[in-house]
Amino acid sequence: MSEPFTVDVPVRFRDLDPLNHVNHAVYASYLETARVDYLADVVGMSGDDLSFVVANLEIGYERPIVAGDDPTVALWVSRLGDSSCTMEYEIRVDGDVVATAETTMVHIDSETKQPSTIPTEVREPVLEYEDIAEQPSTQS
């Protein structure tokens, strides 16, 4: 694997709960920010062209993110199948992992809105960036 793709995400006042912790649901939006930036930078997809949906999301919380923290999201593709891929994430503060996550992303045909094969123009840049071998999908 190459170095993970990283994105800095700001902690905004609206992200905080009454205990001054980033609300658990906001972590998913931090992951989304990193995912959208990854697809833009690695694949060249704009937000209007995104053709992936989240089929599964798992987050493990190690410690709270609080006001004043400067989180960074690191992400990499650990599996690239026919129509789906697995993205893994670490949210880090000052180099320490504060949360881990994994998403299963499914490519959707823009016309039929059904799962479809990941196009070559998406697949090749991901394979090259991640330096991973193609693996068959376990999902349709």
Protein backbone atom coordinates (compact mmCIF):
# COMPACT_ATOMS: atom_id res chain seq x y z
CA MET A 1 0.00 0.00 0.00
CA SER A 2 1.13 3.54 -0.67
CA GLU A 3 0.93 6.18 2.01
CA PRO A 4 -2.70 6.74 3.06
CA PHE A 5 -4.51 9.69 1.55
CA THR A 6 -5.02 12.35 4.25
CA VAL A 7 -7.40 15.25 4.72
CA ASP A 8 -7.49 17.80 7.54
CA VAL A 9 -10.99 18.44 8.84
CA PRO A 10 -11.83 21.39 11.08
CA VAL A 11 -13.79 20.98 14.29
CA ARG A 12 -16.68 23.44 14.01
CA PHE A 13 -18.74 24.72 16.91
CA ARG A 14 -21.83 23.01 15.47
CA ASP A 15 -19.98 19.65 15.61
CA LEU A 16 -19.86 19.74 19.41
CA ASP A 17 -22.29 18.24 21.89
CA PRO A 18 -23.02 19.67 25.37
CA LEU A 19 -19.92 17.89 26.75
CA ASN A 20 -17.73 19.75 24.21
CA HIS A 21 -17.08 16.48 22.31
CA VAL A 22 -17.59 16.07 18.57
CA ASN A 23 -20.94 14.30 18.27
CA HIS A 24 -20.61 10.67 17.20
CA ALA A 25 -22.64 11.22 14.00
CA VAL A 26 -20.28 13.99 12.86
CA TYR A 27 -17.48 11.44 12.48
CA ALA A 28 -19.36 10.06 9.46
CA SER A 29 -19.31 13.51 7.84
CA TYR A 30 -15.54 13.73 8.45
CA LEU A 31 -15.19 10.40 6.64
CA GLU A 32 -17.37 11.68 3.81
CA THR A 33 -15.20 14.77 3.42
CA ALA A 34 -12.11 12.57 3.10
CA ARG A 35 -13.86 10.19 0.69
CA VAL A 36 -15.04 13.00 -1.62
CA ASP A 37 -11.55 14.57 -1.61
CA TYR A 38 -9.99 11.16 -2.34
CA LEU A 39 -12.25 10.59 -5.34
CA ALA A 40 -11.55 14.13 -6.60
CA ASP A 41 -7.76 13.97 -6.15
CA VAL A 42 -7.04 10.33 -7.00
CA VAL A 43 -9.74 9.61 -9.60
CA GLY A 44 -10.63 13.12 -10.82
CA MET A 45 -14.33 12.80 -9.92
CA SER A 46 -16.18 15.98 -9.03
CA GLY A 47 -18.94 15.99 -6.45
CA ASP A 48 -21.51 16.07 -9.25
CA ASP A 49 -20.06 12.89 -10.77
CA LEU A 50 -19.99 10.76 -7.63
CA SER A 51 -21.50 7.40 -8.37
CA PHE A 52 -20.87 5.51 -5.14
CA VAL A 53 -23.21 4.89 -2.22
CA VAL A 54 -22.37 3.70 1.27
CA ALA A 55 -23.63 0.13 1.75
CA ASN A 56 -22.05 -0.34 5.18
CA LEU A 57 -20.38 1.92 7.74
CA GLU A 58 -18.60 0.88 10.93
CA ILE A 59 -16.89 3.31 13.31
CA GLY A 60 -14.82 2.48 16.38
CA TYR A 61 -14.33 5.35 18.81
CA GLU A 62 -11.05 5.39 20.76
CA ARG A 63 -11.30 8.78 22.47
CA PRO A 64 -13.38 11.93 22.01
CA ILE A 65 -12.44 14.70 19.62
CA VAL A 66 -12.89 18.02 21.41
CA ALA A 67 -12.87 21.72 20.59
CA GLY A 68 -9.31 22.77 19.83
CA ASP A 69 -8.33 19.43 18.27
CA ASP A 70 -7.11 19.41 14.67
CA PRO A 71 -8.23 16.05 13.27
CA THR A 72 -6.82 14.46 10.14
CA VAL A 73 -8.59 11.65 8.31
CA ALA A 74 -6.36 9.05 6.65
CA LEU A 75 -8.02 6.68 4.20
CA TRP A 76 -7.11 3.89 1.86
CA VAL A 77 -8.87 1.36 -0.32
CA SER A 78 -8.18 -2.11 1.07
CA ARG A 79 -10.31 -4.04 -1.44
CA LEU A 80 -11.51 -3.20 -4.93
CA GLY A 81 -14.09 -5.61 -6.30
CA ASP A 82 -16.23 -5.65 -9.42
CA SER A 83 -18.91 -3.23 -8.20
CA SER A 84 -17.83 -2.43 -4.66
CA CYS A 85 -14.80 -1.42 -2.66
CA THR A 86 -13.80 -1.28 0.96
CA MET A 87 -12.35 1.96 2.34
CA GLU A 88 -10.62 2.04 5.69
CA TYR A 89 -10.05 5.15 7.75
CA GLU A 90 -8.16 6.45 10.75
CA ILE A 91 -9.11 9.74 12.33
CA ARG A 92 -5.99 11.10 14.01
CA VAL A 93 -5.30 13.97 16.40
CA ASP A 94 -1.67 14.91 16.99
CA GLY A 95 -0.64 11.62 15.38
CA ASP A 96 -2.78 9.50 17.73
CA VAL A 97 -5.61 7.39 16.30
CA VAL A 98 -8.86 8.56 17.92
CA ALA A 99 -11.25 6.57 15.72
CA THR A 100 -11.15 3.88 13.06
CA ALA A 101 -13.77 3.21 10.42
CA GLU A 102 -14.60 1.11 7.41
CA THR A 103 -17.09 1.65 4.63
CA THR A 104 -18.26 -0.63 1.87
CA MET A 105 -18.94 1.52 -1.15
CA VAL A 106 -21.05 0.30 -4.08
CA HIS A 107 -20.83 1.81 -7.56
CA ILE A 108 -24.26 2.76 -8.89
CA ASP A 109 -25.27 3.20 -12.53
CA SER A 110 -26.48 6.79 -12.91
CA GLU A 111 -29.42 5.80 -15.11
CA THR A 112 -30.72 2.58 -13.56
CA LYS A 113 -29.68 3.44 -9.96
CA GLN A 114 -28.58 -0.19 -9.61
CA PRO A 115 -25.16 -1.59 -8.65
CA SER A 116 -22.84 -1.68 -11.64
CA THR A 117 -19.26 -2.52 -12.51
CA ILE A 118 -16.74 0.10 -11.40
CA PRO A 119 -15.61 1.79 -14.63
CA THR A 120 -12.01 1.44 -15.81
CA GLU A 121 -11.46 5.20 -15.50
CA VAL A 122 -12.19 4.87 -11.76
CA ARG A 123 -10.62 1.46 -11.18
CA GLU A 124 -7.20 2.11 -12.76
CA PRO A 125 -6.28 5.27 -10.81
CA VAL A 126 -7.31 3.62 -7.53
CA LEU A 127 -5.31 0.47 -8.26
CA GLU A 128 -2.28 2.56 -9.19
CA TYR A 129 -2.54 4.91 -6.20
CA GLU A 130 -3.12 2.12 -3.70
CA ASP A 131 -0.70 -0.35 -5.29
CA ILE A 132 -3.16 -3.19 -4.69
CA ALA A 133 -4.13 -6.18 -6.78
CA GLU A 134 -7.66 -6.44 -8.16
CA GLN A 135 -9.92 -8.67 -6.12
CA PRO A 136 -13.31 -10.02 -7.13
CA SER A 137 -16.29 -8.49 -5.41
CA THR A 138 -18.37 -10.45 -2.91
CA GLN A 139 -21.32 -8.16 -3.70
CA SER A 140 -23.12 -7.80 -6.99
